[in-house]
Amino acid sequence: MEHESAQEPAAAPGQQPADERAARRRDRRRSWYGAKRHVKRAASVPVASPMLHAVVRARRGTAAASRLPAPMTVRRVTGRVAGHEFTMLSPARCVVAKELYWGGGRRPGGADQLALEVFARLVPGARTVLDVGAYTGVFSLVSALAEPAARVHAFELVPANAVALVDNLLANDLLPHVEVHLAGVGRDGGVLRVPSGRGGSALPDFLSSAGEVEDGVLVPTTSLDALLDRTPGGTGATVVKIDVEGAEGEVLASGRRLLEHSRPDVLCELLPAADAGAVERALEGLGYRALLVTDDALVEHERPHADPVHRDWLLTTRTPQELADLGLPVRPRGAAGA
């Protein structure tokens, strides 16, 4: 969740509270003051869309071009990860599906695609997979394909995103393998008010359990340890993905017993403003090493931190050789190019 840094005076009688006014201004900026949906509609015209993409890619690069709208006639796309093929719906609203469209089945960002490849190679043999901050479910889809025997738990805060996630599971006949939780992860038994996600030009992909909105709907929050308590015999071999826009430390702290119990591999996003210290404290004493997911390799570091270029980290108790045996490209700390 993004926050305004400026302090505002308290509202006078009859006025909106300062935080609500700031939120409304932020929403207006994100919508380009009402023009965004019209620009996106024009850019998604089937004839214009490929030409605009070619121009933007030539001038600003692949990453910028991949943010352009897909042609409005495209209803589904095919993704490919580690030999697995899957379908994602609605590239007009889903950021990941749109990237797969422009990337020809791959995410255009090298590090984004490698993160998916890494996860797909960690999941085989797992009994439990946790997709925390699932959005529309690309990691859940890949997990269910990579290890059909695993039970995948997908946690998503935004109702419209969770509906899109279910639609993607149905489109791939994978719903029996994935349990979808419309919930945040952090404090067990809590509630959080979030946007419904309906309307707008895209499904929200920037929310976390670290903040609330004034105008929204209530969803429950739960802890990772609560899942452990509900799982007979424990979670067994476990793999976790966390993408929660700044609440990573809270998510991991909510699962300390789960971490001690199964020492899961954790693929965790850390944005530039992330509290990497909270992540490190949550894993303290458990023997984890930190590897940054770059465009072409996993690069070992002394500790996780907010990197200015790359955002995904593999936190694992596996040795570099064990990771290499899975076919993962690993560069040890201090190696050339690291």
Protein backbone atom coordinates (compact mmCIF):
# COMPACT_ATOMS: atom_id res chain seq x y z
CA MET A 1 0.00 0.00 0.00
CA GLU A 2 1.39 3.39 -0.92
CA HIS A 3 1.29 6.17 1.63
CA GLU A 4 1.38 9.97 1.32
CA SER A 5 4.42 11.44 3.08
CA ALA A 6 3.10 14.99 3.52
CA GLN A 7 1.33 15.88 6.76
CA GLU A 8 -2.05 17.56 6.34
CA PRO A 9 -4.05 19.68 8.83
CA ALA A 10 -7.06 18.23 10.53
CA ALA A 11 -10.36 18.61 8.72
CA ALA A 12 -12.65 21.46 9.67
CA PRO A 13 -16.25 20.61 10.61
CA GLY A 14 -18.06 19.31 7.56
CA GLN A 15 -14.84 18.58 5.66
CA GLN A 16 -13.39 15.19 4.73
CA PRO A 17 -10.55 13.89 6.97
CA ALA A 18 -7.05 14.66 5.69
CA ASP A 19 -6.16 11.02 5.01
CA GLU A 20 -9.35 10.56 2.99
CA ARG A 21 -8.65 13.68 0.94
CA ALA A 22 -5.10 12.47 0.30
CA ALA A 23 -6.39 9.05 -0.77
CA ARG A 24 -8.84 10.63 -3.20
CA ARG A 25 -6.09 12.79 -4.72
CA ARG A 26 -3.88 9.72 -5.05
CA ASP A 27 -6.69 7.83 -6.80
CA ARG A 28 -7.23 10.74 -9.18
CA ARG A 29 -3.54 10.82 -10.06
CA ARG A 30 -3.51 7.08 -10.69
CA SER A 31 -6.47 7.48 -13.03
CA TRP A 32 -4.72 10.36 -14.82
CA TYR A 33 -7.56 12.58 -13.60
CA GLY A 34 -10.16 10.46 -15.34
CA ALA A 35 -8.33 10.18 -18.67
CA LYS A 36 -6.57 6.87 -18.10
CA ARG A 37 -9.44 4.58 -19.10
CA HIS A 38 -9.98 6.54 -22.31
CA VAL A 39 -6.27 6.44 -23.22
CA LYS A 40 -6.13 2.72 -22.48
CA ARG A 41 -9.20 2.08 -24.59
CA ALA A 42 -7.64 3.93 -27.54
CA ALA A 43 -4.31 2.12 -27.08
CA SER A 44 -6.04 -1.30 -27.04
CA VAL A 45 -7.60 -0.95 -30.50
CA PRO A 46 -6.38 -4.10 -32.34
CA VAL A 47 -4.75 -2.22 -35.24
CA ALA A 48 -3.10 0.46 -33.10
CA SER A 49 -1.94 -1.70 -30.19
CA PRO A 50 0.94 -3.63 -31.89
CA MET A 51 2.24 -0.48 -33.58
CA LEU A 52 2.22 1.46 -30.31
CA HIS A 53 3.97 -1.42 -28.57
CA ALA A 54 6.73 -1.48 -31.20
CA VAL A 55 7.29 2.27 -30.88
CA VAL A 56 7.44 2.23 -27.06
CA ARG A 57 9.72 -0.84 -27.02
CA ALA A 58 12.15 0.84 -29.43
CA ARG A 59 12.21 4.10 -27.45
CA ARG A 60 11.81 3.01 -23.83
CA GLY A 61 12.55 -0.71 -23.72
CA THR A 62 10.72 -4.00 -23.21
CA ALA A 63 9.63 -3.32 -19.63
CA ALA A 64 7.87 -0.08 -20.52
CA ALA A 65 6.24 -1.64 -23.59
CA SER A 66 4.89 -4.55 -21.55
CA ARG A 67 2.80 -2.11 -19.49
CA LEU A 68 0.77 -1.09 -22.53
CA PRO A 69 -2.78 -2.48 -22.89
CA ALA A 70 -3.21 -5.71 -24.81
CA PRO A 71 -5.55 -5.58 -27.83
CA MET A 72 -9.16 -5.50 -26.62
CA THR A 73 -10.00 -8.59 -28.71
CA VAL A 74 -7.59 -10.79 -26.67
CA ARG A 75 -9.49 -12.68 -23.98
CA ARG A 76 -6.86 -15.19 -22.80
CA VAL A 77 -3.14 -15.78 -23.07
CA THR A 78 -0.83 -18.78 -22.71
CA GLY A 79 2.06 -18.76 -20.26
CA ARG A 80 5.07 -21.07 -20.21
CA VAL A 81 7.30 -21.77 -17.21
CA ALA A 82 9.80 -24.63 -16.72
CA GLY A 83 8.09 -26.81 -19.30
CA HIS A 84 4.59 -26.15 -17.95
CA GLU A 85 1.89 -24.39 -20.00
CA PHE A 86 -1.13 -22.59 -18.57
CA THR A 87 -3.85 -20.09 -19.47
CA MET A 88 -4.53 -16.70 -17.92
CA LEU A 89 -7.68 -14.69 -18.63
CA SER A 90 -8.47 -11.00 -19.11
CA PRO A 91 -5.18 -9.37 -20.14
CA ALA A 92 -7.14 -6.12 -20.41
CA ARG A 93 -7.32 -5.99 -16.58
CA CYS A 94 -4.69 -8.45 -15.29
CA VAL A 95 -1.16 -7.05 -15.24
CA VAL A 96 0.48 -10.49 -15.36
CA ALA A 97 -1.69 -11.74 -18.24
CA LYS A 98 -0.85 -8.57 -20.15
CA GLU A 99 2.88 -9.17 -19.61
CA LEU A 100 2.54 -12.74 -20.85
CA TYR A 101 0.78 -11.50 -23.96
CA TRP A 102 3.52 -9.03 -24.87
CA GLY A 103 6.24 -11.47 -23.79
CA GLY A 104 4.98 -14.32 -25.97
CA GLY A 105 4.18 -16.51 -22.96
CA ARG A 106 7.00 -15.26 -20.72
CA ARG A 107 7.18 -12.29 -18.39
CA PRO A 108 9.25 -9.66 -20.24
CA GLY A 109 11.37 -8.79 -17.20
CA GLY A 110 14.22 -11.29 -16.92
CA ALA A 111 14.12 -11.33 -13.11
CA ASP A 112 10.33 -11.72 -13.08
CA GLN A 113 10.52 -14.74 -15.37
CA LEU A 114 13.42 -16.24 -13.43
CA ALA A 115 11.43 -15.90 -10.18
CA LEU A 116 8.68 -18.04 -11.72
CA GLU A 117 11.24 -20.56 -13.01
CA VAL A 118 12.86 -20.76 -9.56
CA PHE A 119 9.52 -21.36 -7.87
CA ALA A 120 8.56 -24.04 -10.39
CA ARG A 121 11.79 -25.93 -9.63
CA LEU A 122 11.42 -25.63 -5.84
CA VAL A 123 7.85 -26.92 -5.68
CA PRO A 124 8.24 -30.56 -6.86
CA GLY A 125 8.23 -32.77 -3.76
CA ALA A 126 6.48 -30.17 -1.61
CA ARG A 127 3.40 -31.14 0.38
CA THR A 128 2.22 -27.55 0.90
CA VAL A 129 2.58 -24.35 -1.16
CA LEU A 130 1.61 -20.92 0.20
CA ASP A 131 0.98 -18.12 -2.31
CA VAL A 132 0.66 -15.03 -0.11
CA GLY A 133 -0.46 -12.00 -2.12
CA ALA A 134 -1.63 -14.23 -4.96
CA TYR A 135 -3.16 -11.50 -7.18
CA THR A 136 -4.67 -13.44 -10.13
CA GLY A 137 -2.75 -16.60 -9.35
CA VAL A 138 0.22 -17.10 -11.67
CA PHE A 139 2.33 -18.67 -8.88
CA SER A 140 -0.60 -20.83 -7.77
CA LEU A 141 -1.10 -22.08 -11.33
CA VAL A 142 2.58 -22.90 -11.76
CA SER A 143 2.68 -24.64 -8.36
CA ALA A 144 -0.32 -26.84 -9.09
CA LEU A 145 1.21 -27.87 -12.41
CA ALA A 146 4.71 -28.45 -11.02
CA GLU A 147 3.51 -30.62 -8.10
CA PRO A 148 -0.04 -31.97 -8.51
CA ALA A 149 0.19 -33.76 -5.14
CA ALA A 150 0.79 -30.53 -3.22
CA ARG A 151 -1.99 -28.56 -1.53
CA VAL A 152 -1.70 -24.95 -2.68
CA HIS A 153 -3.12 -22.19 -0.45
CA ALA A 154 -3.63 -18.86 -2.27
CA PHE A 155 -4.16 -15.79 -0.04
CA GLU A 156 -5.54 -12.65 -1.71
CA LEU A 157 -6.89 -9.47 -0.10
CA VAL A 158 -8.87 -7.93 -2.96
CA PRO A 159 -12.23 -9.58 -3.76
CA ALA A 160 -12.10 -8.88 -7.52
CA ASN A 161 -8.57 -10.32 -7.69
CA ALA A 162 -9.71 -13.45 -5.85
CA VAL A 163 -12.57 -13.88 -8.33
CA ALA A 164 -10.09 -13.56 -11.22
CA LEU A 165 -7.85 -16.09 -9.50
CA VAL A 166 -10.71 -18.60 -9.30
CA ASP A 167 -11.54 -17.97 -12.97
CA ASN A 168 -7.94 -18.72 -13.93
CA LEU A 169 -7.96 -21.92 -11.88
CA LEU A 170 -11.19 -23.02 -13.57
CA ALA A 171 -9.77 -22.22 -17.01
CA ASN A 172 -6.89 -24.63 -16.28
CA ASP A 173 -8.92 -27.32 -14.45
CA LEU A 174 -6.77 -26.71 -11.36
CA LEU A 175 -9.35 -25.55 -8.81
CA PRO A 176 -9.31 -28.92 -6.94
CA HIS A 177 -5.59 -28.38 -6.22
CA VAL A 178 -5.81 -24.84 -4.84
CA GLU A 179 -7.65 -23.49 -1.80
CA VAL A 180 -8.37 -19.79 -2.27
CA HIS A 181 -8.44 -17.65 0.88
CA LEU A 182 -10.00 -14.19 0.55
CA ALA A 183 -7.91 -12.89 3.44
CA GLY A 184 -4.84 -10.98 4.45
CA VAL A 185 -1.97 -12.65 6.29
CA GLY A 186 -0.68 -11.22 9.54
CA ARG A 187 -2.71 -10.99 12.75
CA ASP A 188 -4.93 -14.01 13.27
CA GLY A 189 -8.63 -13.25 13.72
CA GLY A 190 -8.43 -9.64 12.53
CA VAL A 191 -10.26 -7.71 9.82
CA LEU A 192 -9.07 -5.22 7.23
CA ARG A 193 -10.94 -2.79 4.98
CA VAL A 194 -9.72 -2.95 1.37
CA PRO A 195 -10.95 -1.85 -2.07
CA SER A 196 -13.32 -4.31 -3.69
CA GLY A 197 -11.32 -4.08 -6.92
CA ARG A 198 -14.44 -3.73 -9.06
CA GLY A 199 -14.34 -1.13 -11.79
CA GLY A 200 -11.21 0.70 -12.83
CA SER A 201 -8.97 -0.07 -15.76
CA ALA A 202 -6.91 -2.77 -14.03
CA LEU A 203 -7.11 -5.13 -11.08
CA PRO A 204 -5.26 -3.66 -8.05
CA ASP A 205 -1.78 -5.17 -7.64
CA PHE A 206 -0.26 -2.83 -5.03
CA LEU A 207 -2.22 -3.49 -1.80
CA SER A 208 -1.03 -5.06 1.43
CA SER A 209 -2.28 -5.85 4.92
CA ALA A 210 -0.07 -3.01 6.21
CA GLY A 211 -2.74 -0.40 5.49
CA GLU A 212 -6.44 0.19 5.07
CA VAL A 213 -8.71 2.36 2.92
CA GLU A 214 -11.71 4.39 4.00
CA ASP A 215 -14.01 3.31 1.19
CA GLY A 216 -13.91 -0.46 0.83
CA VAL A 217 -15.05 -3.82 2.11
CA LEU A 218 -14.05 -5.85 5.15
CA VAL A 219 -11.98 -9.02 4.74
CA PRO A 220 -10.53 -11.25 7.45
CA THR A 221 -6.86 -11.62 8.34
CA THR A 222 -5.16 -14.80 9.44
CA SER A 223 -1.69 -16.00 10.37
CA LEU A 224 0.55 -18.62 8.81
CA ASP A 225 0.68 -20.40 12.16
CA ALA A 226 -3.13 -20.69 12.09
CA LEU A 227 -2.77 -22.67 8.86
CA LEU A 228 -0.21 -24.91 10.55
CA ASP A 229 -2.65 -25.51 13.41
CA ARG A 230 -5.40 -26.50 10.95
CA THR A 231 -3.19 -28.95 9.04
CA PRO A 232 -3.17 -32.48 10.51
CA GLY A 233 0.40 -33.72 10.81
CA GLY A 234 1.82 -30.31 9.90
CA THR A 235 2.47 -28.77 6.51
CA GLY A 236 5.37 -31.07 5.62
CA ALA A 237 7.80 -29.87 2.96
CA THR A 238 6.64 -26.33 2.22
CA VAL A 239 7.36 -23.60 -0.34
CA VAL A 240 6.17 -20.01 0.17
CA LYS A 241 5.80 -16.96 -2.09
CA ILE A 242 5.23 -13.56 -0.48
CA ASP A 243 4.26 -10.44 -2.43
CA VAL A 244 2.58 -8.07 0.01
CA GLU A 245 3.93 -4.59 -0.74
CA GLY A 246 5.76 -3.92 2.52
CA ALA A 247 4.13 -6.30 5.02
CA GLU A 248 6.66 -9.11 4.50
CA GLY A 249 8.03 -9.00 8.04
CA GLU A 250 4.52 -9.20 9.50
CA VAL A 251 3.65 -12.19 7.30
CA LEU A 252 6.79 -14.10 8.27
CA ALA A 253 6.46 -13.21 11.96
CA SER A 254 2.92 -14.63 11.88
CA GLY A 255 4.38 -18.00 10.92
CA ARG A 256 7.34 -18.43 13.26
CA ARG A 257 6.21 -21.91 14.35
CA LEU A 258 5.61 -22.89 10.73
CA LEU A 259 9.10 -21.64 9.83
CA GLU A 260 10.65 -23.63 12.69
CA HIS A 261 8.56 -26.68 11.79
CA SER A 262 9.28 -27.00 8.07
CA ARG A 263 12.05 -24.48 7.16
CA PRO A 264 10.23 -23.61 3.90
CA ASP A 265 11.88 -22.09 0.85
CA VAL A 266 10.57 -18.51 0.66
CA LEU A 267 10.43 -16.37 -2.47
CA CYS A 268 9.87 -12.87 -1.09
CA GLU A 269 9.46 -9.52 -2.79
CA LEU A 270 11.25 -6.59 -1.13
CA LEU A 271 10.45 -3.18 -2.63
CA PRO A 272 12.85 -0.22 -2.22
CA ALA A 273 11.00 1.00 0.89
CA ALA A 274 10.70 -2.48 2.45
CA ASP A 275 11.69 -3.18 6.05
CA ALA A 276 14.30 -5.83 5.29
CA GLY A 277 15.32 -5.85 8.95
CA ALA A 278 11.88 -7.17 9.93
CA VAL A 279 12.29 -10.02 7.44
CA GLU A 280 15.72 -10.84 8.81
CA ARG A 281 14.43 -10.81 12.39
CA ALA A 282 11.57 -13.14 11.51
CA LEU A 283 14.07 -15.69 10.15
CA GLU A 284 16.68 -15.22 12.87
CA GLY A 285 18.36 -18.39 14.08
CA LEU A 286 16.79 -20.65 11.46
CA GLY A 287 19.80 -21.00 9.16
CA TYR A 288 18.43 -19.11 6.17
CA ARG A 289 20.63 -17.72 3.41
CA ALA A 290 19.57 -14.92 1.07
CA LEU A 291 19.87 -14.97 -2.72
CA LEU A 292 18.77 -12.06 -4.91
CA VAL A 293 16.86 -13.00 -8.07
CA THR A 294 18.54 -11.08 -10.90
CA ASP A 295 17.90 -11.26 -14.64
CA ASP A 296 20.06 -14.36 -15.11
CA ALA A 297 21.04 -15.85 -11.75
CA LEU A 298 20.45 -16.20 -8.02
CA VAL A 299 23.16 -14.10 -6.38
CA GLU A 300 24.02 -14.86 -2.75
CA HIS A 301 24.23 -11.94 -0.29
CA GLU A 302 25.06 -11.72 3.38
CA ARG A 303 21.51 -10.63 4.20
CA PRO A 304 18.32 -9.58 2.39
CA HIS A 305 18.01 -5.89 1.61
CA ALA A 306 16.05 -3.51 -0.59
CA ASP A 307 17.91 -3.63 -3.90
CA PRO A 308 17.49 -0.60 -6.21
CA VAL A 309 17.11 -2.77 -9.34
CA HIS A 310 15.74 -6.20 -8.41
CA ARG A 311 13.02 -6.97 -5.90
CA ASP A 312 12.68 -10.76 -5.41
CA TRP A 313 14.74 -12.77 -2.91
CA LEU A 314 15.01 -16.50 -2.38
CA LEU A 315 15.33 -17.16 1.35
CA THR A 316 16.32 -20.77 1.86
CA THR A 317 18.16 -23.25 4.04
CA ARG A 318 19.30 -25.20 0.97
CA THR A 319 23.00 -25.10 0.08
CA PRO A 320 24.17 -23.53 -3.18
CA GLN A 321 24.96 -27.02 -4.46
CA GLU A 322 21.44 -28.24 -3.67
CA LEU A 323 20.05 -25.30 -5.61
CA ALA A 324 22.41 -25.97 -8.52
CA ASP A 325 21.28 -29.62 -8.52
CA LEU A 326 17.74 -28.32 -9.18
CA GLY A 327 19.04 -26.64 -12.31
CA LEU A 328 19.03 -23.15 -10.80
CA PRO A 329 21.77 -20.67 -11.80
CA VAL A 330 23.56 -19.68 -8.59
CA ARG A 331 26.42 -17.19 -8.09
CA PRO A 332 28.08 -17.27 -4.67
CA ARG A 333 28.78 -14.14 -2.69
CA GLY A 334 31.80 -12.27 -4.06
CA ALA A 335 31.79 -14.02 -7.44
CA ALA A 336 32.43 -12.00 -10.59
CA GLY A 337 29.24 -10.25 -11.66
CA ALA A 338 27.63 -10.66 -8.25
